[in-house]
Amino acid sequence: MCSDLYLYFLDLYNIEATIPVTFRQTNSSGAPVGIALKKRVNRPLLPNINHDSSFLRHASANSLLANLNSPEWEEDLVNREEVSPLSHPEQDLVDALKWLNSNDWQLKEKGLFIIRCLANCHSELLLCRLHDVSLAVTKEVSNLRSKVSQFAIGSLTELFKTLKKHMDQEAEEIARVLLQKVGDSSEFIQKAADQSLGIMAQSVTPSRALAALMTNGVNHRNPLVRKCAAEHLLTVMEQIGAKKLLSGSRESVETLVQTLVKLAQDCNQDTRFYGRKMLNILMSHSKFNGYLKQCPPSHDLSYVMATIKQKRTEDQSSQAPSAKSQRGSKSGSLTLDNMPSDDGYGALA
């Protein structure tokens, strides 16, 4: 099954068009930096600092992070959303990787903050060492200090947002680690990991996201992980579309269908819902009829398809005519009401 999945994902990757990557640049306003510097100059024994706007706008990460040792600085660093360009980004990248490899959690936070600055303001610089950066940041997702873990997850999110398809090669390992955090961490870490996976699903090549989520999520023993993977798989499958999903070899499509049937029968209600929605994407395309002719449906597939059809019938009968007419105007949306006709499925009625 693993080899079939690999061939299936390879087929999808080869038929997808290459989309140019546009690097997002963050507003270079120096306001957050100014606030940080103001805190420093108000402390006793520190010299006055010229608050010229050009200085604030181009302040180096080293000057920003040199004395961030107090709890209030730690909180400010982790929660800082706006970042500014760095004066010496090449050296800052070297320092960041060195700090991430240290045993000092404060240095690790400083390193992660620099990575976030680089991702937003100097994203092209990261391409030459993207694998090293991704490994170093991903490693900190498992840090026992929750703030470091949260900051690392946020840094991965920024990498996905800015580098997009350049993160294709890193997606599978990052997804594995993030899905693990969804299943065994505190609630706020779970939420951060889930959000990061959502950004990944929308940023990298859809076939790579599909492979990463299916490889690491759908067969996981933790029901929360399967639910999370199924939710983001639905997003990816909507991007790819039924035509491409059904364009692989018979064996690879069969593997995909079996995976979705398994999700549609999961013990978790939400996972079942996502699994049936994904099956509906395939069933709504005419190519699925051809697949059924080549591969007669298994007992489980027949049962799930019958369940979906029954649910559609119940929904239709429970709604007033006015509601039906309103729903008809939204036929383009993905709902269980958009099921194909009974043609080809008479045996399941």
C-alpha atoms as a PDB file:
ATOM      1  CA  MET A   1       0.000   0.000   0.000  1.00  0.00           C
ATOM      2  CA  CYS A   2       2.856   2.406   0.792  1.00  0.00           C
ATOM      3  CA  SER A   3       4.372   1.944  -2.679  1.00  0.00           C
ATOM      4  CA  ASP A   4       0.971   2.529  -4.274  1.00  0.00           C
ATOM      5  CA  LEU A   5       0.549   5.748  -2.285  1.00  0.00           C
ATOM      6  CA  TYR A   6       4.010   6.902  -3.363  1.00  0.00           C
ATOM      7  CA  LEU A   7       3.226   6.310  -7.051  1.00  0.00           C
ATOM      8  CA  TYR A   8      -0.140   8.004  -6.666  1.00  0.00           C
ATOM      9  CA  PHE A   9       1.348  11.122  -5.086  1.00  0.00           C
ATOM     10  CA  LEU A  10       4.107  11.149  -7.732  1.00  0.00           C
ATOM     11  CA  ASP A  11       1.476  11.074 -10.493  1.00  0.00           C
ATOM     12  CA  LEU A  12      -0.357  13.990  -8.890  1.00  0.00           C
ATOM     13  CA  TYR A  13       2.849  15.978  -8.446  1.00  0.00           C
ATOM     14  CA  ASN A  14       3.811  15.514 -12.100  1.00  0.00           C
ATOM     15  CA  ILE A  15       0.484  16.735 -13.504  1.00  0.00           C
ATOM     16  CA  GLU A  16       0.216  19.830 -11.324  1.00  0.00           C
ATOM     17  CA  ALA A  17       1.234  23.129 -12.886  1.00  0.00           C
ATOM     18  CA  THR A  18       4.145  24.970 -11.328  1.00  0.00           C
ATOM     19  CA  ILE A  19       2.992  28.200  -9.737  1.00  0.00           C
ATOM     20  CA  PRO A  20       5.529  31.011  -9.247  1.00  0.00           C
ATOM     21  CA  VAL A  21       6.250  31.821  -5.636  1.00  0.00           C
ATOM     22  CA  THR A  22       5.835  35.400  -4.495  1.00  0.00           C
ATOM     23  CA  PHE A  23       7.704  36.314  -1.379  1.00  0.00           C
ATOM     24  CA  ARG A  24       5.630  38.348   1.058  1.00  0.00           C
ATOM     25  CA  GLN A  25       7.338  41.330   2.594  1.00  0.00           C
ATOM     26  CA  THR A  26       6.229  42.610   5.962  1.00  0.00           C
ATOM     27  CA  ASN A  27       5.519  46.286   6.529  1.00  0.00           C
ATOM     28  CA  SER A  28       8.809  47.799   7.607  1.00  0.00           C
ATOM     29  CA  SER A  29       7.255  50.028  10.273  1.00  0.00           C
ATOM     30  CA  GLY A  30       9.562  50.277  13.263  1.00  0.00           C
ATOM     31  CA  ALA A  31       6.837  50.709  15.885  1.00  0.00           C
ATOM     32  CA  PRO A  32       7.310  47.390  17.724  1.00  0.00           C
ATOM     33  CA  VAL A  33      11.080  47.895  17.766  1.00  0.00           C
ATOM     34  CA  GLY A  34      10.610  51.384  19.121  1.00  0.00           C
ATOM     35  CA  ILE A  35       8.555  50.027  21.992  1.00  0.00           C
ATOM     36  CA  ALA A  36      11.293  47.537  22.842  1.00  0.00           C
ATOM     37  CA  LEU A  37      13.998  50.175  22.753  1.00  0.00           C
ATOM     38  CA  LYS A  38      11.930  52.479  24.910  1.00  0.00           C
ATOM     39  CA  LYS A  39      11.804  49.826  27.598  1.00  0.00           C
ATOM     40  CA  ARG A  40      15.582  49.567  27.517  1.00  0.00           C
ATOM     41  CA  VAL A  41      16.383  53.258  27.714  1.00  0.00           C
ATOM     42  CA  ASN A  42      14.055  53.767  30.658  1.00  0.00           C
ATOM     43  CA  ARG A  43      16.158  51.409  32.722  1.00  0.00           C
ATOM     44  CA  PRO A  44      18.816  52.947  35.028  1.00  0.00           C
ATOM     45  CA  LEU A  45      22.441  53.142  33.931  1.00  0.00           C
ATOM     46  CA  LEU A  46      21.665  52.628  30.246  1.00  0.00           C
ATOM     47  CA  PRO A  47      22.860  55.333  27.821  1.00  0.00           C
ATOM     48  CA  ASN A  48      20.407  57.360  25.784  1.00  0.00           C
ATOM     49  CA  ILE A  49      19.621  55.901  22.379  1.00  0.00           C
ATOM     50  CA  ASN A  50      18.818  58.005  19.342  1.00  0.00           C
ATOM     51  CA  HIS A  51      15.235  57.177  18.318  1.00  0.00           C
ATOM     52  CA  ASP A  52      15.779  58.153  14.702  1.00  0.00           C
ATOM     53  CA  SER A  53      13.241  56.363  12.521  1.00  0.00           C
ATOM     54  CA  SER A  54      15.870  54.998  10.127  1.00  0.00           C
ATOM     55  CA  PHE A  55      17.712  53.435  13.064  1.00  0.00           C
ATOM     56  CA  LEU A  56      14.540  51.774  14.305  1.00  0.00           C
ATOM     57  CA  ARG A  57      13.640  50.531  10.876  1.00  0.00           C
ATOM     58  CA  HIS A  58      16.986  48.850  10.261  1.00  0.00           C
ATOM     59  CA  ALA A  59      17.868  47.750  13.785  1.00  0.00           C
ATOM     60  CA  SER A  60      19.803  44.497  13.945  1.00  0.00           C
ATOM     61  CA  ALA A  61      18.346  41.459  15.657  1.00  0.00           C
ATOM     62  CA  ASN A  62      21.444  41.370  17.827  1.00  0.00           C
ATOM     63  CA  SER A  63      20.668  44.819  19.233  1.00  0.00           C
ATOM     64  CA  LEU A  64      17.042  43.870  19.777  1.00  0.00           C
ATOM     65  CA  LEU A  65      17.761  40.636  21.587  1.00  0.00           C
ATOM     66  CA  ALA A  66      20.942  41.343  23.501  1.00  0.00           C
ATOM     67  CA  ASN A  67      19.397  41.812  26.952  1.00  0.00           C
ATOM     68  CA  LEU A  68      16.066  39.973  26.774  1.00  0.00           C
ATOM     69  CA  ASN A  69      16.355  38.020  29.990  1.00  0.00           C
ATOM     70  CA  SER A  70      13.422  39.141  32.127  1.00  0.00           C
ATOM     71  CA  PRO A  71       9.955  37.484  32.059  1.00  0.00           C
ATOM     72  CA  GLU A  72       8.379  40.548  30.439  1.00  0.00           C
ATOM     73  CA  TRP A  73      10.929  40.394  27.643  1.00  0.00           C
ATOM     74  CA  GLU A  74      10.267  36.696  27.174  1.00  0.00           C
ATOM     75  CA  GLU A  75       6.534  37.322  26.856  1.00  0.00           C
ATOM     76  CA  ASP A  76       7.126  40.236  24.469  1.00  0.00           C
ATOM     77  CA  LEU A  77       9.395  38.130  22.281  1.00  0.00           C
ATOM     78  CA  VAL A  78       7.061  35.155  21.993  1.00  0.00           C
ATOM     79  CA  ASN A  79       3.967  37.246  21.295  1.00  0.00           C
ATOM     80  CA  ARG A  80       5.624  39.735  18.944  1.00  0.00           C
ATOM     81  CA  GLU A  81       3.756  39.593  15.627  1.00  0.00           C
ATOM     82  CA  GLU A  82       5.395  42.413  13.660  1.00  0.00           C
ATOM     83  CA  VAL A  83       9.040  42.110  12.712  1.00  0.00           C
ATOM     84  CA  SER A  84      11.509  44.430  10.989  1.00  0.00           C
ATOM     85  CA  PRO A  85      14.301  43.959   8.442  1.00  0.00           C
ATOM     86  CA  LEU A  86      17.680  43.029   9.854  1.00  0.00           C
ATOM     87  CA  SER A  87      20.849  45.050   9.304  1.00  0.00           C
ATOM     88  CA  HIS A  88      23.068  41.976   8.869  1.00  0.00           C
ATOM     89  CA  PRO A  89      20.754  39.126   7.828  1.00  0.00           C
ATOM     90  CA  GLU A  90      23.519  36.800   6.628  1.00  0.00           C
ATOM     91  CA  GLN A  91      25.302  36.892   9.983  1.00  0.00           C
ATOM     92  CA  ASP A  92      21.999  36.780  11.846  1.00  0.00           C
ATOM     93  CA  LEU A  93      21.127  33.530  10.055  1.00  0.00           C
ATOM     94  CA  VAL A  94      24.425  31.988  11.159  1.00  0.00           C
ATOM     95  CA  ASP A  95      23.799  33.150  14.727  1.00  0.00           C
ATOM     96  CA  ALA A  96      20.233  31.841  14.700  1.00  0.00           C
ATOM     97  CA  LEU A  97      21.297  28.343  13.701  1.00  0.00           C
ATOM     98  CA  LYS A  98      24.033  28.402  16.342  1.00  0.00           C
ATOM     99  CA  TRP A  99      21.577  29.495  19.048  1.00  0.00           C
ATOM    100  CA  LEU A 100      19.001  26.892  18.034  1.00  0.00           C
ATOM    101  CA  ASN A 101      21.690  24.260  18.523  1.00  0.00           C
ATOM    102  CA  SER A 102      22.480  25.464  22.044  1.00  0.00           C
ATOM    103  CA  ASN A 103      21.048  24.148  25.307  1.00  0.00           C
ATOM    104  CA  ASP A 104      19.921  27.576  26.505  1.00  0.00           C
ATOM    105  CA  TRP A 105      16.180  28.024  25.961  1.00  0.00           C
ATOM    106  CA  GLN A 106      16.512  31.824  25.889  1.00  0.00           C
ATOM    107  CA  LEU A 107      19.038  31.588  23.081  1.00  0.00           C
ATOM    108  CA  LYS A 108      16.692  29.217  21.279  1.00  0.00           C
ATOM    109  CA  GLU A 109      13.899  31.816  21.480  1.00  0.00           C
ATOM    110  CA  LYS A 110      16.242  34.466  20.112  1.00  0.00           C
ATOM    111  CA  GLY A 111      17.171  32.141  17.254  1.00  0.00           C
ATOM    112  CA  LEU A 112      13.519  31.463  16.459  1.00  0.00           C
ATOM    113  CA  PHE A 113      12.783  35.183  16.504  1.00  0.00           C
ATOM    114  CA  ILE A 114      15.544  35.784  13.946  1.00  0.00           C
ATOM    115  CA  ILE A 115      14.158  32.996  11.737  1.00  0.00           C
ATOM    116  CA  ARG A 116      10.773  34.709  11.868  1.00  0.00           C
ATOM    117  CA  CYS A 117      12.385  38.039  10.882  1.00  0.00           C
ATOM    118  CA  LEU A 118      14.229  36.365   8.025  1.00  0.00           C
ATOM    119  CA  ALA A 119      11.101  34.595   6.794  1.00  0.00           C
ATOM    120  CA  ASN A 120       9.143  37.827   6.651  1.00  0.00           C
ATOM    121  CA  CYS A 121      11.796  40.291   5.489  1.00  0.00           C
ATOM    122  CA  HIS A 122      14.635  38.283   3.907  1.00  0.00           C
ATOM    123  CA  SER A 123      12.912  35.113   2.705  1.00  0.00           C
ATOM    124  CA  GLU A 124      15.171  34.712  -0.342  1.00  0.00           C
ATOM    125  CA  LEU A 125      18.166  34.397   1.994  1.00  0.00           C
ATOM    126  CA  LEU A 126      16.692  31.302   3.635  1.00  0.00           C
ATOM    127  CA  LEU A 127      16.554  29.320   0.390  1.00  0.00           C
ATOM    128  CA  CYS A 128      20.268  28.488   0.447  1.00  0.00           C
ATOM    129  CA  ARG A 129      19.964  26.808   3.855  1.00  0.00           C
ATOM    130  CA  LEU A 130      16.275  25.989   3.949  1.00  0.00           C
ATOM    131  CA  HIS A 131      16.705  22.337   4.902  1.00  0.00           C
ATOM    132  CA  ASP A 132      19.008  23.179   7.819  1.00  0.00           C
ATOM    133  CA  VAL A 133      16.628  25.898   9.003  1.00  0.00           C
ATOM    134  CA  SER A 134      13.580  23.645   8.754  1.00  0.00           C
ATOM    135  CA  LEU A 135      15.254  20.833  10.672  1.00  0.00           C
ATOM    136  CA  ALA A 136      16.473  23.167  13.409  1.00  0.00           C
ATOM    137  CA  VAL A 137      13.072  24.818  13.877  1.00  0.00           C
ATOM    138  CA  THR A 138      11.120  21.546  13.635  1.00  0.00           C
ATOM    139  CA  LYS A 139      13.323  20.031  16.335  1.00  0.00           C
ATOM    140  CA  GLU A 140      12.228  22.766  18.756  1.00  0.00           C
ATOM    141  CA  VAL A 141       8.549  21.895  18.272  1.00  0.00           C
ATOM    142  CA  SER A 142       9.228  18.997  20.646  1.00  0.00           C
ATOM    143  CA  ASN A 143      10.977  21.222  23.206  1.00  0.00           C
ATOM    144  CA  LEU A 144       9.776  20.509  26.738  1.00  0.00           C
ATOM    145  CA  ARG A 145       9.429  24.238  27.435  1.00  0.00           C
ATOM    146  CA  SER A 146       5.992  25.068  26.057  1.00  0.00           C
ATOM    147  CA  LYS A 147       6.850  28.646  25.045  1.00  0.00           C
ATOM    148  CA  VAL A 148       9.762  27.468  22.926  1.00  0.00           C
ATOM    149  CA  SER A 149       7.541  24.820  21.349  1.00  0.00           C
ATOM    150  CA  GLN A 150       4.827  27.361  20.606  1.00  0.00           C
ATOM    151  CA  PHE A 151       7.339  29.821  19.169  1.00  0.00           C
ATOM    152  CA  ALA A 152       8.816  27.087  16.940  1.00  0.00           C
ATOM    153  CA  ILE A 153       5.372  26.185  15.601  1.00  0.00           C
ATOM    154  CA  GLY A 154       4.729  29.847  14.843  1.00  0.00           C
ATOM    155  CA  SER A 155       8.060  30.074  13.039  1.00  0.00           C
ATOM    156  CA  LEU A 156       7.149  27.080  10.861  1.00  0.00           C
ATOM    157  CA  THR A 157       3.872  28.798  10.049  1.00  0.00           C
ATOM    158  CA  GLU A 158       5.787  31.863   8.861  1.00  0.00           C
ATOM    159  CA  LEU A 159       8.055  29.695   6.723  1.00  0.00           C
ATOM    160  CA  PHE A 160       5.040  28.101   5.032  1.00  0.00           C
ATOM    161  CA  LYS A 161       3.370  31.474   4.500  1.00  0.00           C
ATOM    162  CA  THR A 162       6.353  33.133   2.868  1.00  0.00           C
ATOM    163  CA  LEU A 163       8.208  30.291   1.127  1.00  0.00           C
ATOM    164  CA  LYS A 164       5.138  28.323   0.023  1.00  0.00           C
ATOM    165  CA  LYS A 165       6.100  25.632  -2.510  1.00  0.00           C
ATOM    166  CA  HIS A 166       9.771  25.939  -1.650  1.00  0.00           C
ATOM    167  CA  MET A 167       8.741  24.065   1.512  1.00  0.00           C
ATOM    168  CA  ASP A 168       7.592  21.014  -0.467  1.00  0.00           C
ATOM    169  CA  GLN A 169      10.607  18.912   0.491  1.00  0.00           C
ATOM    170  CA  GLU A 170      10.176  19.733   4.177  1.00  0.00           C
ATOM    171  CA  ALA A 171       6.413  19.214   4.417  1.00  0.00           C
ATOM    172  CA  GLU A 172       6.329  15.513   5.308  1.00  0.00           C
ATOM    173  CA  GLU A 173       8.680  15.692   8.296  1.00  0.00           C
ATOM    174  CA  ILE A 174       7.109  18.897   9.587  1.00  0.00           C
ATOM    175  CA  ALA A 175       3.629  17.394   9.266  1.00  0.00           C
ATOM    176  CA  ARG A 176       4.742  14.327  11.220  1.00  0.00           C
ATOM    177  CA  VAL A 177       5.987  16.437  14.127  1.00  0.00           C
ATOM    178  CA  LEU A 178       3.015  18.814  14.121  1.00  0.00           C
ATOM    179  CA  LEU A 179       0.493  15.968  14.039  1.00  0.00           C
ATOM    180  CA  GLN A 180       2.271  14.406  17.004  1.00  0.00           C
ATOM    181  CA  LYS A 181       1.820  17.653  18.956  1.00  0.00           C
ATOM    182  CA  VAL A 182      -1.874  17.657  18.090  1.00  0.00           C
ATOM    183  CA  GLY A 183      -2.221  14.356  19.895  1.00  0.00           C
ATOM    184  CA  ASP A 184      -0.084  14.690  23.006  1.00  0.00           C
ATOM    185  CA  SER A 185       0.179  18.354  24.017  1.00  0.00           C
ATOM    186  CA  SER A 186      -1.668  21.045  25.931  1.00  0.00           C
ATOM    187  CA  GLU A 187      -4.660  22.715  24.334  1.00  0.00           C
ATOM    188  CA  PHE A 188      -2.890  25.879  23.165  1.00  0.00           C
ATOM    189  CA  ILE A 189      -0.086  23.826  21.590  1.00  0.00           C
ATOM    190  CA  GLN A 190      -2.673  21.620  19.881  1.00  0.00           C
ATOM    191  CA  LYS A 191      -4.377  24.707  18.482  1.00  0.00           C
ATOM    192  CA  ALA A 192      -1.099  26.187  17.228  1.00  0.00           C
ATOM    193  CA  ALA A 193      -0.089  22.912  15.557  1.00  0.00           C
ATOM    194  CA  ASP A 194      -3.504  22.554  13.937  1.00  0.00           C
ATOM    195  CA  GLN A 195      -3.337  26.102  12.559  1.00  0.00           C
ATOM    196  CA  SER A 196       0.160  25.532  11.219  1.00  0.00           C
ATOM    197  CA  LEU A 197      -0.975  22.369   9.423  1.00  0.00           C
ATOM    198  CA  GLY A 198      -3.817  24.372   7.900  1.00  0.00           C
ATOM    199  CA  ILE A 199      -1.337  26.934   6.544  1.00  0.00           C
ATOM    200  CA  MET A 200       0.826  24.116   5.214  1.00  0.00           C
ATOM    201  CA  ALA A 201      -2.144  22.589   3.392  1.00  0.00           C
ATOM    202  CA  GLN A 202      -2.809  25.911   1.660  1.00  0.00           C
ATOM    203  CA  SER A 203       0.830  26.770   0.882  1.00  0.00           C
ATOM    204  CA  VAL A 204       2.781  23.781  -0.435  1.00  0.00           C
ATOM    205  CA  THR A 205       2.003  21.833  -3.589  1.00  0.00           C
ATOM    206  CA  PRO A 206      -1.344  20.085  -2.901  1.00  0.00           C
ATOM    207  CA  SER A 207      -0.030  16.633  -3.788  1.00  0.00           C
ATOM    208  CA  ARG A 208       2.818  17.059  -1.274  1.00  0.00           C
ATOM    209  CA  ALA A 209       0.382  18.150   1.413  1.00  0.00           C
ATOM    210  CA  LEU A 210      -1.831  15.167   0.585  1.00  0.00           C
ATOM    211  CA  ALA A 211       1.089  12.773   0.876  1.00  0.00           C
ATOM    212  CA  ALA A 212       2.303  14.300   4.150  1.00  0.00           C
ATOM    213  CA  LEU A 213      -1.108  14.130   5.808  1.00  0.00           C
ATOM    214  CA  MET A 214      -1.968  10.638   4.599  1.00  0.00           C
ATOM    215  CA  THR A 215       1.426   9.194   5.478  1.00  0.00           C
ATOM    216  CA  ASN A 216       1.494  10.581   9.004  1.00  0.00           C
ATOM    217  CA  GLY A 217      -2.135  11.125   9.985  1.00  0.00           C
ATOM    218  CA  VAL A 218      -4.842   8.817   8.681  1.00  0.00           C
ATOM    219  CA  ASN A 219      -3.443   5.656  10.293  1.00  0.00           C
ATOM    220  CA  HIS A 220      -2.378   7.271  13.559  1.00  0.00           C
ATOM    221  CA  ARG A 221      -3.594   5.539  16.697  1.00  0.00           C
ATOM    222  CA  ASN A 222      -4.715   8.816  18.295  1.00  0.00           C
ATOM    223  CA  PRO A 223      -8.262   9.783  17.172  1.00  0.00           C
ATOM    224  CA  LEU A 224      -7.479  13.508  17.562  1.00  0.00           C
ATOM    225  CA  VAL A 225      -4.612  13.177  15.102  1.00  0.00           C
ATOM    226  CA  ARG A 226      -6.803  11.337  12.590  1.00  0.00           C
ATOM    227  CA  LYS A 227      -9.476  14.003  12.931  1.00  0.00           C
ATOM    228  CA  CYS A 228      -6.966  16.803  12.349  1.00  0.00           C
ATOM    229  CA  ALA A 229      -5.436  15.023   9.353  1.00  0.00           C
ATOM    230  CA  ALA A 230      -8.851  14.341   7.837  1.00  0.00           C
ATOM    231  CA  GLU A 231      -9.925  17.966   8.178  1.00  0.00           C
ATOM    232  CA  HIS A 232      -6.871  19.272   6.330  1.00  0.00           C
ATOM    233  CA  LEU A 233      -7.023  16.450   3.793  1.00  0.00           C
ATOM    234  CA  LEU A 234     -10.473  17.697   2.861  1.00  0.00           C
ATOM    235  CA  THR A 235      -9.027  21.150   2.169  1.00  0.00           C
ATOM    236  CA  VAL A 236      -6.284  19.668  -0.008  1.00  0.00           C
ATOM    237  CA  MET A 237      -8.664  17.419  -1.954  1.00  0.00           C
ATOM    238  CA  GLU A 238     -10.903  20.383  -2.678  1.00  0.00           C
ATOM    239  CA  GLN A 239      -7.868  22.160  -4.139  1.00  0.00           C
ATOM    240  CA  ILE A 240      -6.820  19.216  -6.311  1.00  0.00           C
ATOM    241  CA  GLY A 241     -10.289  18.277  -7.534  1.00  0.00           C
ATOM    242  CA  ALA A 242     -11.827  14.920  -8.401  1.00  0.00           C
ATOM    243  CA  LYS A 243     -10.512  14.860 -11.962  1.00  0.00           C
ATOM    244  CA  LYS A 244      -6.857  14.860 -10.919  1.00  0.00           C
ATOM    245  CA  LEU A 245      -7.492  12.619  -7.938  1.00  0.00           C
ATOM    246  CA  LEU A 246      -9.037  10.003 -10.218  1.00  0.00           C
ATOM    247  CA  SER A 247      -6.381  10.337 -12.946  1.00  0.00           C
ATOM    248  CA  GLY A 248      -3.844   8.004 -11.382  1.00  0.00           C
ATOM    249  CA  SER A 249      -3.452   4.295 -11.977  1.00  0.00           C
ATOM    250  CA  ARG A 250      -6.239   1.961 -10.928  1.00  0.00           C
ATOM    251  CA  GLU A 251      -4.177   0.661  -8.007  1.00  0.00           C
ATOM    252  CA  SER A 252      -3.338   4.128  -6.694  1.00  0.00           C
ATOM    253  CA  VAL A 253      -6.929   5.350  -6.931  1.00  0.00           C
ATOM    254  CA  GLU A 254      -8.087   2.196  -5.172  1.00  0.00           C
ATOM    255  CA  THR A 255      -5.618   2.886  -2.366  1.00  0.00           C
ATOM    256  CA  LEU A 256      -6.963   6.433  -2.024  1.00  0.00           C
ATOM    257  CA  VAL A 257     -10.579   5.248  -1.948  1.00  0.00           C
ATOM    258  CA  GLN A 258      -9.777   2.617   0.684  1.00  0.00           C
ATOM    259  CA  THR A 259      -8.124   5.290   2.828  1.00  0.00           C
ATOM    260  CA  LEU A 260     -11.176   7.538   2.607  1.00  0.00           C
ATOM    261  CA  VAL A 261     -13.504   4.642   3.414  1.00  0.00           C
ATOM    262  CA  LYS A 262     -11.450   3.976   6.532  1.00  0.00           C
ATOM    263  CA  LEU A 263     -11.809   7.613   7.594  1.00  0.00           C
ATOM    264  CA  ALA A 264     -15.531   7.512   6.827  1.00  0.00           C
ATOM    265  CA  GLN A 265     -15.886   4.635   9.305  1.00  0.00           C
ATOM    266  CA  ASP A 266     -13.679   6.103  12.034  1.00  0.00           C
ATOM    267  CA  CYS A 267     -14.771   6.025  15.673  1.00  0.00           C
ATOM    268  CA  ASN A 268     -14.665   9.832  15.799  1.00  0.00           C
ATOM    269  CA  GLN A 269     -17.802  11.528  14.461  1.00  0.00           C
ATOM    270  CA  ASP A 270     -15.944  14.482  12.945  1.00  0.00           C
ATOM    271  CA  THR A 271     -13.459  12.208  11.206  1.00  0.00           C
ATOM    272  CA  ARG A 272     -16.342  10.215   9.705  1.00  0.00           C
ATOM    273  CA  PHE A 273     -17.892  13.442   8.460  1.00  0.00           C
ATOM    274  CA  TYR A 274     -14.670  14.557   6.749  1.00  0.00           C
ATOM    275  CA  GLY A 275     -14.149  11.097   5.253  1.00  0.00           C
ATOM    276  CA  ARG A 276     -17.622  11.084   3.711  1.00  0.00           C
ATOM    277  CA  LYS A 277     -17.170  14.603   2.378  1.00  0.00           C
ATOM    278  CA  MET A 278     -13.953  13.506   0.653  1.00  0.00           C
ATOM    279  CA  LEU A 279     -15.638  10.455  -0.825  1.00  0.00           C
ATOM    280  CA  ASN A 280     -18.383  12.749  -2.065  1.00  0.00           C
ATOM    281  CA  ILE A 281     -15.770  14.758  -3.990  1.00  0.00           C
ATOM    282  CA  LEU A 282     -14.821  11.596  -5.903  1.00  0.00           C
ATOM    283  CA  MET A 283     -18.364  10.309  -6.316  1.00  0.00           C
ATOM    284  CA  SER A 284     -19.513  13.612  -7.811  1.00  0.00           C
ATOM    285  CA  HIS A 285     -17.269  13.117 -10.858  1.00  0.00           C
ATOM    286  CA  SER A 286     -18.130  10.911 -13.830  1.00  0.00           C
ATOM    287  CA  LYS A 287     -14.723   9.223 -13.638  1.00  0.00           C
ATOM    288  CA  PHE A 288     -15.781   7.570 -10.405  1.00  0.00           C
ATOM    289  CA  ASN A 289     -18.357   5.519 -12.317  1.00  0.00           C
ATOM    290  CA  GLY A 290     -15.531   4.237 -14.502  1.00  0.00           C
ATOM    291  CA  TYR A 291     -13.536   3.359 -11.417  1.00  0.00           C
ATOM    292  CA  LEU A 292     -16.462   1.346 -10.024  1.00  0.00           C
ATOM    293  CA  LYS A 293     -16.702  -0.597 -13.287  1.00  0.00           C
ATOM    294  CA  GLN A 294     -13.012  -1.498 -13.104  1.00  0.00           C
ATOM    295  CA  CYS A 295     -12.987  -2.118  -9.346  1.00  0.00           C
ATOM    296  CA  PRO A 296     -16.304  -3.383  -7.987  1.00  0.00           C
ATOM    297  CA  PRO A 297     -16.933  -1.687  -4.633  1.00  0.00           C
ATOM    298  CA  SER A 298     -15.980  -3.549  -1.486  1.00  0.00           C
ATOM    299  CA  HIS A 299     -18.516  -4.208   1.236  1.00  0.00           C
ATOM    300  CA  ASP A 300     -17.236  -1.241   3.240  1.00  0.00           C
ATOM    301  CA  LEU A 301     -17.343   1.129   0.281  1.00  0.00           C
ATOM    302  CA  SER A 302     -20.843  -0.015  -0.614  1.00  0.00           C
ATOM    303  CA  TYR A 303     -21.980   0.555   2.959  1.00  0.00           C
ATOM    304  CA  VAL A 304     -20.473   4.061   3.145  1.00  0.00           C
ATOM    305  CA  MET A 305     -21.936   5.054  -0.222  1.00  0.00           C
ATOM    306  CA  ALA A 306     -25.359   3.799   0.836  1.00  0.00           C
ATOM    307  CA  THR A 307     -25.081   5.737   4.099  1.00  0.00           C
ATOM    308  CA  ILE A 308     -24.256   8.937   2.235  1.00  0.00           C
ATOM    309  CA  LYS A 309     -27.173   8.467  -0.149  1.00  0.00           C
ATOM    310  CA  GLN A 310     -29.531   7.760   2.727  1.00  0.00           C
ATOM    311  CA  LYS A 311     -28.373  10.889   4.516  1.00  0.00           C
ATOM    312  CA  ARG A 312     -29.006  12.923   1.392  1.00  0.00           C
ATOM    313  CA  THR A 313     -32.505  11.546   1.072  1.00  0.00           C
ATOM    314  CA  GLU A 314     -33.287  12.295   4.718  1.00  0.00           C
ATOM    315  CA  ASP A 315     -31.985  15.855   4.387  1.00  0.00           C
ATOM    316  CA  GLN A 316     -34.075  16.461   1.286  1.00  0.00           C
ATOM    317  CA  SER A 317     -37.274  15.123   2.832  1.00  0.00           C
ATOM    318  CA  SER A 318     -36.838  17.111   6.041  1.00  0.00           C
ATOM    319  CA  GLN A 319     -36.492  20.466   4.307  1.00  0.00           C
ATOM    320  CA  ALA A 320     -39.321  22.678   3.120  1.00  0.00           C
ATOM    321  CA  PRO A 321     -39.652  23.434  -0.630  1.00  0.00           C
ATOM    322  CA  SER A 322     -38.445  26.998  -0.078  1.00  0.00           C
ATOM    323  CA  ALA A 323     -35.299  25.727   1.603  1.00  0.00           C
ATOM    324  CA  LYS A 324     -34.740  23.275  -1.240  1.00  0.00           C
ATOM    325  CA  SER A 325     -34.965  26.042  -3.808  1.00  0.00           C
ATOM    326  CA  GLN A 326     -32.487  28.128  -1.851  1.00  0.00           C
ATOM    327  CA  ARG A 327     -30.129  25.219  -1.633  1.00  0.00           C
ATOM    328  CA  GLY A 328     -30.413  24.680  -5.355  1.00  0.00           C
ATOM    329  CA  SER A 329     -28.926  28.112  -5.971  1.00  0.00           C
ATOM    330  CA  LYS A 330     -25.791  26.984  -4.093  1.00  0.00           C
ATOM    331  CA  SER A 331     -25.203  23.815  -6.070  1.00  0.00           C
ATOM    332  CA  GLY A 332     -21.526  24.652  -6.437  1.00  0.00           C
ATOM    333  CA  SER A 333     -20.829  24.176  -2.737  1.00  0.00           C
ATOM    334  CA  LEU A 334     -19.515  20.908  -1.360  1.00  0.00           C
ATOM    335  CA  THR A 335     -22.310  19.219   0.570  1.00  0.00           C
ATOM    336  CA  LEU A 336     -23.646  15.726   0.857  1.00  0.00           C
ATOM    337  CA  ASP A 337     -26.618  16.910  -1.209  1.00  0.00           C
ATOM    338  CA  ASN A 338     -24.386  17.116  -4.285  1.00  0.00           C
ATOM    339  CA  MET A 339     -24.367  13.362  -4.669  1.00  0.00           C
ATOM    340  CA  PRO A 340     -24.605  11.789  -8.146  1.00  0.00           C
ATOM    341  CA  SER A 341     -27.849  10.268  -9.341  1.00  0.00           C
ATOM    342  CA  ASP A 342     -28.759   6.679  -8.666  1.00  0.00           C
ATOM    343  CA  ASP A 343     -27.379   5.667 -12.059  1.00  0.00           C
ATOM    344  CA  GLY A 344     -24.646   3.160 -11.451  1.00  0.00           C
ATOM    345  CA  TYR A 345     -25.528   2.708  -7.762  1.00  0.00           C
ATOM    346  CA  GLY A 346     -28.854   0.877  -8.021  1.00  0.00           C
ATOM    347  CA  ALA A 347     -27.431  -2.123  -6.226  1.00  0.00           C
ATOM    348  CA  LEU A 348     -26.798   0.028  -3.161  1.00  0.00           C
ATOM    349  CA  ALA A 349     -30.373   1.303  -2.791  1.00  0.00           C
END
